[in-house]
Amino acid sequence: MIVRVFRVVVHDGKEREFEAFFRDTALPLMRSQEGLVSITPGLPRPETPTEFCMVMVWRDLDALKAFAGEDWQHAHIHPDEALLVRERSVHHYELLDA
């Protein structure tokens, strides 16, 4: 299984707007994806007031590619969030079967 950690930093003053998008659009969209085993959303903390993240576990690389495409190694954003996001990153890991 593949762990995908997606992180965005939003523009100052866009935190509430992004959180609404995150809750109402991004999470329902992600939860409907075939091959997504789990998703854990992260909201900002006081020390990082403009950072949001999603930690996803995908069944395998084929499932991840079906969602993200052949350019799965790069962070893509939904068109509705393009004006809200200042910075984005994505990292991938093999899930430790413990």
N, C-alpha and C. Protein backbone atom coordinates (compact mmCIF):
# COMPACT_ATOMS: atom_id res chain seq x y z
N MET A 1 0.84 -1.18 0.00
CA MET A 1 0.00 0.00 0.00
C MET A 1 0.89 1.25 0.00
N ILE A 2 0.33 2.32 -0.52
CA ILE A 2 1.08 3.56 -0.65
C ILE A 2 0.45 4.65 0.21
N VAL A 3 1.27 5.28 1.01
CA VAL A 3 0.85 6.42 1.82
C VAL A 3 1.17 7.68 1.02
N ARG A 4 0.17 8.52 0.85
CA ARG A 4 0.33 9.79 0.12
C ARG A 4 0.02 10.92 1.08
N VAL A 5 1.00 11.78 1.33
CA VAL A 5 0.83 12.92 2.23
C VAL A 5 0.78 14.17 1.36
N PHE A 6 -0.39 14.77 1.31
CA PHE A 6 -0.63 15.96 0.50
C PHE A 6 -0.76 17.15 1.44
N ARG A 7 -0.01 18.22 1.16
CA ARG A 7 0.01 19.39 2.03
C ARG A 7 -0.17 20.64 1.19
N VAL A 8 -1.01 21.55 1.68
CA VAL A 8 -1.16 22.86 1.03
C VAL A 8 -0.97 23.96 2.06
N VAL A 9 -0.46 25.08 1.58
CA VAL A 9 -0.38 26.31 2.36
C VAL A 9 -1.25 27.30 1.60
N VAL A 10 -2.23 27.87 2.29
CA VAL A 10 -3.14 28.81 1.64
C VAL A 10 -2.66 30.24 1.86
N HIS A 11 -3.15 31.13 1.00
CA HIS A 11 -2.83 32.55 1.14
C HIS A 11 -3.42 33.07 2.45
N ASP A 12 -2.73 34.00 3.09
CA ASP A 12 -3.24 34.63 4.31
C ASP A 12 -4.64 35.17 4.06
N GLY A 13 -5.52 34.90 5.02
CA GLY A 13 -6.90 35.37 4.92
C GLY A 13 -7.82 34.44 4.17
N LYS A 14 -7.30 33.35 3.62
CA LYS A 14 -8.10 32.39 2.85
C LYS A 14 -8.38 31.10 3.62
N GLU A 15 -8.02 31.08 4.90
CA GLU A 15 -8.14 29.85 5.69
C GLU A 15 -9.58 29.34 5.77
N ARG A 16 -10.52 30.20 6.07
CA ARG A 16 -11.93 29.77 6.20
C ARG A 16 -12.50 29.30 4.87
N GLU A 17 -12.18 30.03 3.82
CA GLU A 17 -12.66 29.66 2.49
C GLU A 17 -12.10 28.30 2.08
N PHE A 18 -10.80 28.08 2.35
CA PHE A 18 -10.21 26.80 2.00
C PHE A 18 -10.79 25.68 2.86
N GLU A 19 -10.99 25.94 4.14
CA GLU A 19 -11.55 24.89 5.00
C GLU A 19 -12.93 24.47 4.50
N ALA A 20 -13.74 25.41 4.05
CA ALA A 20 -15.06 25.06 3.50
C ALA A 20 -14.90 24.20 2.25
N PHE A 21 -13.98 24.55 1.38
CA PHE A 21 -13.71 23.74 0.19
C PHE A 21 -13.22 22.35 0.59
N PHE A 22 -12.32 22.31 1.56
CA PHE A 22 -11.74 21.06 2.05
C PHE A 22 -12.83 20.12 2.55
N ARG A 23 -13.73 20.64 3.38
CA ARG A 23 -14.80 19.83 3.97
C ARG A 23 -15.88 19.45 2.95
N ASP A 24 -16.30 20.43 2.15
CA ASP A 24 -17.48 20.24 1.31
C ASP A 24 -17.19 19.68 -0.07
N THR A 25 -15.98 19.85 -0.58
CA THR A 25 -15.65 19.39 -1.93
C THR A 25 -14.54 18.34 -1.93
N ALA A 26 -13.39 18.69 -1.37
CA ALA A 26 -12.23 17.80 -1.47
C ALA A 26 -12.44 16.46 -0.77
N LEU A 27 -12.89 16.49 0.48
CA LEU A 27 -13.05 15.22 1.21
C LEU A 27 -14.11 14.31 0.60
N PRO A 28 -15.29 14.82 0.24
CA PRO A 28 -16.25 13.93 -0.43
C PRO A 28 -15.72 13.36 -1.74
N LEU A 29 -15.01 14.19 -2.50
CA LEU A 29 -14.43 13.72 -3.76
C LEU A 29 -13.41 12.61 -3.50
N MET A 30 -12.54 12.81 -2.54
CA MET A 30 -11.52 11.80 -2.23
C MET A 30 -12.15 10.52 -1.71
N ARG A 31 -13.13 10.65 -0.85
CA ARG A 31 -13.75 9.45 -0.25
C ARG A 31 -14.47 8.59 -1.29
N SER A 32 -14.77 9.15 -2.44
CA SER A 32 -15.46 8.39 -3.48
C SER A 32 -14.51 7.67 -4.42
N GLN A 33 -13.20 7.79 -4.21
CA GLN A 33 -12.22 7.21 -5.13
C GLN A 33 -12.04 5.72 -4.89
N GLU A 34 -12.11 4.96 -5.96
CA GLU A 34 -11.85 3.53 -5.93
C GLU A 34 -10.39 3.30 -5.57
N GLY A 35 -10.13 2.41 -4.64
CA GLY A 35 -8.76 2.09 -4.27
C GLY A 35 -8.21 2.90 -3.11
N LEU A 36 -8.97 3.88 -2.63
CA LEU A 36 -8.54 4.64 -1.46
C LEU A 36 -8.94 3.85 -0.23
N VAL A 37 -7.96 3.44 0.56
CA VAL A 37 -8.20 2.61 1.73
C VAL A 37 -8.60 3.47 2.93
N SER A 38 -7.90 4.61 3.10
CA SER A 38 -8.24 5.50 4.21
C SER A 38 -7.77 6.91 3.88
N ILE A 39 -8.38 7.86 4.59
CA ILE A 39 -7.99 9.25 4.44
C ILE A 39 -8.10 9.92 5.80
N THR A 40 -7.09 10.70 6.15
CA THR A 40 -7.08 11.45 7.40
C THR A 40 -6.78 12.91 7.06
N PRO A 41 -7.77 13.79 7.24
CA PRO A 41 -7.54 15.20 6.96
C PRO A 41 -6.94 15.91 8.16
N GLY A 42 -6.09 16.90 7.89
CA GLY A 42 -5.47 17.68 8.95
C GLY A 42 -5.75 19.15 8.77
N LEU A 43 -6.22 19.79 9.84
CA LEU A 43 -6.49 21.23 9.84
C LEU A 43 -5.33 21.99 10.46
N PRO A 44 -5.25 23.29 10.22
CA PRO A 44 -4.15 24.09 10.76
C PRO A 44 -4.11 24.08 12.29
N ARG A 45 -2.90 24.31 12.78
CA ARG A 45 -2.67 24.52 14.22
C ARG A 45 -2.16 25.94 14.38
N PRO A 46 -2.14 26.47 15.60
CA PRO A 46 -1.68 27.85 15.80
C PRO A 46 -0.28 28.14 15.24
N GLU A 47 0.61 27.17 15.32
CA GLU A 47 1.97 27.40 14.83
C GLU A 47 2.08 27.31 13.30
N THR A 48 1.06 26.76 12.65
CA THR A 48 1.02 26.66 11.18
C THR A 48 -0.40 27.02 10.72
N PRO A 49 -0.81 28.27 10.88
CA PRO A 49 -2.21 28.65 10.69
C PRO A 49 -2.73 28.61 9.27
N THR A 50 -1.85 28.42 8.29
CA THR A 50 -2.31 28.39 6.90
C THR A 50 -2.04 27.04 6.22
N GLU A 51 -1.67 26.01 6.99
CA GLU A 51 -1.35 24.70 6.43
C GLU A 51 -2.45 23.68 6.68
N PHE A 52 -2.80 22.96 5.62
CA PHE A 52 -3.76 21.86 5.68
C PHE A 52 -3.06 20.64 5.09
N CYS A 53 -3.52 19.44 5.47
CA CYS A 53 -2.95 18.24 4.87
C CYS A 53 -3.99 17.14 4.78
N MET A 54 -3.69 16.17 3.94
CA MET A 54 -4.45 14.93 3.84
C MET A 54 -3.45 13.80 3.81
N VAL A 55 -3.66 12.82 4.66
CA VAL A 55 -2.84 11.61 4.63
C VAL A 55 -3.75 10.51 4.10
N MET A 56 -3.38 9.97 2.96
CA MET A 56 -4.19 8.95 2.29
C MET A 56 -3.42 7.65 2.20
N VAL A 57 -4.13 6.56 2.27
CA VAL A 57 -3.53 5.25 2.01
C VAL A 57 -4.25 4.68 0.79
N TRP A 58 -3.46 4.36 -0.22
CA TRP A 58 -3.98 3.79 -1.46
C TRP A 58 -3.65 2.31 -1.53
N ARG A 59 -4.56 1.54 -2.08
CA ARG A 59 -4.40 0.09 -2.19
C ARG A 59 -3.10 -0.28 -2.91
N ASP A 60 -2.81 0.41 -4.01
CA ASP A 60 -1.60 0.13 -4.79
C ASP A 60 -1.35 1.29 -5.75
N LEU A 61 -0.27 1.20 -6.49
CA LEU A 61 0.09 2.27 -7.41
C LEU A 61 -0.94 2.42 -8.53
N ASP A 62 -1.51 1.33 -8.98
CA ASP A 62 -2.53 1.41 -10.03
C ASP A 62 -3.73 2.24 -9.57
N ALA A 63 -4.15 2.04 -8.34
CA ALA A 63 -5.29 2.81 -7.81
C ALA A 63 -4.92 4.29 -7.70
N LEU A 64 -3.72 4.58 -7.24
CA LEU A 64 -3.27 5.96 -7.13
C LEU A 64 -3.20 6.61 -8.51
N LYS A 65 -2.66 5.89 -9.49
CA LYS A 65 -2.58 6.42 -10.85
C LYS A 65 -3.97 6.63 -11.46
N ALA A 66 -4.91 5.76 -11.13
CA ALA A 66 -6.27 5.94 -11.65
C ALA A 66 -6.87 7.25 -11.15
N PHE A 67 -6.48 7.67 -9.96
CA PHE A 67 -6.94 8.94 -9.41
C PHE A 67 -6.11 10.12 -9.92
N ALA A 68 -4.79 10.03 -9.79
CA ALA A 68 -3.91 11.18 -10.04
C ALA A 68 -3.34 11.23 -11.44
N GLY A 69 -3.43 10.13 -12.18
CA GLY A 69 -2.87 10.10 -13.52
C GLY A 69 -1.40 9.69 -13.52
N GLU A 70 -0.82 9.68 -14.70
CA GLU A 70 0.57 9.27 -14.84
C GLU A 70 1.53 10.22 -14.12
N ASP A 71 1.09 11.44 -13.88
CA ASP A 71 1.91 12.43 -13.17
C ASP A 71 1.60 12.38 -11.66
N TRP A 72 1.42 11.18 -11.14
CA TRP A 72 0.99 10.97 -9.76
C TRP A 72 1.99 11.46 -8.72
N GLN A 73 3.23 11.68 -9.12
CA GLN A 73 4.27 12.08 -8.16
C GLN A 73 4.25 13.57 -7.85
N HIS A 74 3.39 14.30 -8.51
CA HIS A 74 3.30 15.74 -8.29
C HIS A 74 1.96 16.11 -7.68
N ALA A 75 1.96 17.17 -6.92
CA ALA A 75 0.73 17.64 -6.25
C ALA A 75 -0.12 18.43 -7.23
N HIS A 76 -1.34 17.97 -7.40
CA HIS A 76 -2.30 18.66 -8.26
C HIS A 76 -3.41 19.21 -7.37
N ILE A 77 -4.02 20.28 -7.81
CA ILE A 77 -5.13 20.84 -7.04
C ILE A 77 -6.35 20.98 -7.92
N HIS A 78 -7.50 20.96 -7.29
CA HIS A 78 -8.80 21.15 -7.94
C HIS A 78 -8.88 22.59 -8.44
N PRO A 79 -9.48 22.84 -9.59
CA PRO A 79 -9.59 24.22 -10.09
C PRO A 79 -10.24 25.19 -9.10
N ASP A 80 -11.16 24.70 -8.28
CA ASP A 80 -11.84 25.57 -7.31
C ASP A 80 -10.93 26.08 -6.21
N GLU A 81 -9.77 25.45 -6.03
CA GLU A 81 -8.87 25.88 -4.97
C GLU A 81 -7.65 26.63 -5.48
N ALA A 82 -7.53 26.77 -6.78
CA ALA A 82 -6.33 27.36 -7.38
C ALA A 82 -6.01 28.75 -6.84
N LEU A 83 -7.00 29.59 -6.63
CA LEU A 83 -6.75 30.95 -6.15
C LEU A 83 -6.53 31.01 -4.64
N LEU A 84 -6.79 29.91 -3.94
CA LEU A 84 -6.65 29.88 -2.49
C LEU A 84 -5.27 29.39 -2.05
N VAL A 85 -4.65 28.56 -2.87
CA VAL A 85 -3.43 27.85 -2.50
C VAL A 85 -2.18 28.62 -2.93
N ARG A 86 -1.29 28.84 -1.97
CA ARG A 86 -0.01 29.51 -2.22
C ARG A 86 1.09 28.50 -2.53
N GLU A 87 1.01 27.33 -1.89
CA GLU A 87 2.08 26.33 -2.02
C GLU A 87 1.46 24.96 -1.82
N ARG A 88 2.01 23.96 -2.51
CA ARG A 88 1.51 22.59 -2.36
C ARG A 88 2.65 21.60 -2.52
N SER A 89 2.51 20.46 -1.85
CA SER A 89 3.52 19.41 -1.97
C SER A 89 2.86 18.06 -1.73
N VAL A 90 3.52 17.03 -2.21
CA VAL A 90 3.03 15.67 -2.00
C VAL A 90 4.25 14.77 -1.82
N HIS A 91 4.11 13.80 -0.90
CA HIS A 91 5.17 12.83 -0.63
C HIS A 91 4.53 11.45 -0.56
N HIS A 92 5.28 10.44 -0.96
CA HIS A 92 4.78 9.07 -1.00
C HIS A 92 5.69 8.15 -0.19
N TYR A 93 5.06 7.16 0.42
CA TYR A 93 5.77 6.20 1.27
C TYR A 93 5.13 4.83 1.11
N GLU A 94 5.89 3.80 1.36
CA GLU A 94 5.34 2.45 1.46
C GLU A 94 4.77 2.31 2.86
N LEU A 95 3.60 1.71 2.97
CA LEU A 95 2.99 1.50 4.28
C LEU A 95 3.72 0.39 5.00
N LEU A 96 4.10 0.67 6.23
CA LEU A 96 4.75 -0.33 7.08
C LEU A 96 3.67 -1.25 7.63
N ASP A 97 3.77 -2.51 7.34
CA ASP A 97 2.79 -3.48 7.84
C ASP A 97 3.25 -3.93 9.22
N ALA A 98 2.74 -3.24 10.24
CA ALA A 98 3.20 -3.52 11.60
C ALA A 98 2.15 -4.25 12.41
